[in-house]
Protein backbone atom coordinates (compact mmCIF):
# COMPACT_ATOMS: atom_id res chain seq x y z
CA MET A 1 81.28 115.74 102.47
CA LEU A 2 85.43 116.06 103.53
CA GLY A 3 84.52 112.31 105.19
CA LYS A 4 83.04 110.85 102.27
CA VAL A 5 85.69 111.60 99.84
CA TRP A 6 88.25 110.45 102.40
CA LEU A 7 86.60 107.41 103.00
CA ALA A 8 86.24 106.57 99.05
CA LEU A 9 89.61 107.55 98.51
CA MET A 10 90.77 105.00 101.40
CA PHE A 11 88.26 102.29 99.85
CA VAL A 12 89.89 102.99 96.26
CA THR A 13 93.57 103.21 97.61
CA ALA A 14 92.80 99.31 99.45
CA ILE A 15 91.60 98.04 96.48
CA ALA A 16 95.18 99.48 94.52
CA THR A 17 97.47 98.20 96.87
CA ILE A 18 96.05 94.45 96.25
CA PHE A 19 97.95 95.02 92.97
CA ILE A 20 101.15 96.10 94.73
CA ARG A 21 103.47 93.36 95.63
CA ASN A 22 106.51 92.65 97.47
CA PHE A 23 109.61 92.82 94.58
CA GLU A 24 111.42 90.07 95.85
CA SER A 25 108.63 87.06 96.27
CA GLY A 26 105.75 88.30 94.62
CA GLY A 27 103.28 87.91 97.20
CA PHE A 28 101.88 89.85 99.82
CA SER A 29 103.82 91.49 102.80
CA TRP A 30 102.65 91.68 106.56
CA ILE A 31 101.56 95.57 105.74
CA HIS A 32 99.22 94.12 103.34
CA ILE A 33 96.92 93.67 106.79
CA PHE A 34 96.20 97.22 106.41
CA THR A 35 94.47 96.45 103.24
CA VAL A 36 92.11 93.87 104.62
CA LEU A 37 91.18 96.35 107.54
CA THR A 38 90.61 99.31 105.31
CA LEU A 39 88.21 97.30 103.24
CA ILE A 40 86.36 96.23 106.55
CA ALA A 41 86.92 99.57 108.46
CA VAL A 42 85.28 101.76 105.68
CA PRO A 43 81.70 100.08 105.22
CA GLN A 44 81.51 99.72 108.94
CA ALA A 45 82.12 103.43 109.13
CA ILE A 46 79.19 103.99 106.51
CA MET A 47 76.88 101.82 108.36
CA THR A 48 76.96 103.33 111.89
CA ALA A 49 76.59 106.78 110.37
CA ARG A 50 73.71 105.78 108.71
CA ARG A 51 72.17 103.84 111.11
CA GLY A 52 72.56 107.56 113.27
CA GLN A 53 74.69 105.48 115.78
CA ILE A 54 77.07 108.94 115.87
CA ALA A 55 78.95 108.01 119.00
CA ALA A 56 79.79 104.46 117.20
CA HIS A 57 80.90 106.54 113.69
CA LYS A 58 83.06 108.76 115.69
CA LYS A 59 85.04 106.04 117.61
CA HIS A 60 85.28 104.13 114.56
CA MET A 61 86.49 107.23 112.07
CA VAL A 62 89.24 108.00 114.76
CA GLN A 63 90.32 104.42 115.24
CA PHE A 64 90.51 103.96 111.39
CA TYR A 65 92.41 107.37 111.19
CA CYS A 66 94.76 106.61 113.71
CA GLY A 67 95.57 102.87 112.20
CA ALA A 68 95.55 104.24 108.44
CA VAL A 69 97.89 107.27 109.26
CA VAL A 70 100.00 106.97 112.07
CA VAL A 71 100.90 103.15 112.16
CA ALA A 72 100.49 102.37 108.50
CA GLY A 73 102.53 105.72 107.90
CA ILE A 74 105.09 104.51 110.23
CA THR A 75 105.22 101.29 109.00
CA ALA A 76 105.73 102.06 105.54
CA PHE A 77 108.93 103.89 106.21
CA LEU A 78 110.55 101.06 108.52
CA PRO A 79 114.25 100.76 107.38
CA GLY A 80 114.57 98.59 104.32
CA ARG A 81 110.88 98.81 102.93
CA THR A 82 110.68 100.38 99.78
CA MET A 83 109.47 103.86 101.08
CA TRP A 84 112.60 104.19 103.36
CA GLN A 85 114.61 103.37 100.37
CA TRP A 86 112.68 106.02 98.01
CA VAL A 87 113.12 108.71 100.86
CA PHE A 88 116.49 108.20 102.23
CA GLY A 89 118.13 106.43 99.72
């Protein structure tokens, strides 16, 4: 159940990030590639689980978690980004 909730929240968050734009140009930044990857990864993870391909599902979920939490989290806090400014002033 926790996995289902996490995937649902990741999908909703990815949809929400479509509406978050760069303050200066009003366009997307390079970090929005994670939006596209999330919109691909969530259905892929659900399909492999429903097909009973547990090893593939586990692999997708580990990669998705690492990409979502580690890579996206680190890049969001790079100097000059909004999150860096909010946290470190």
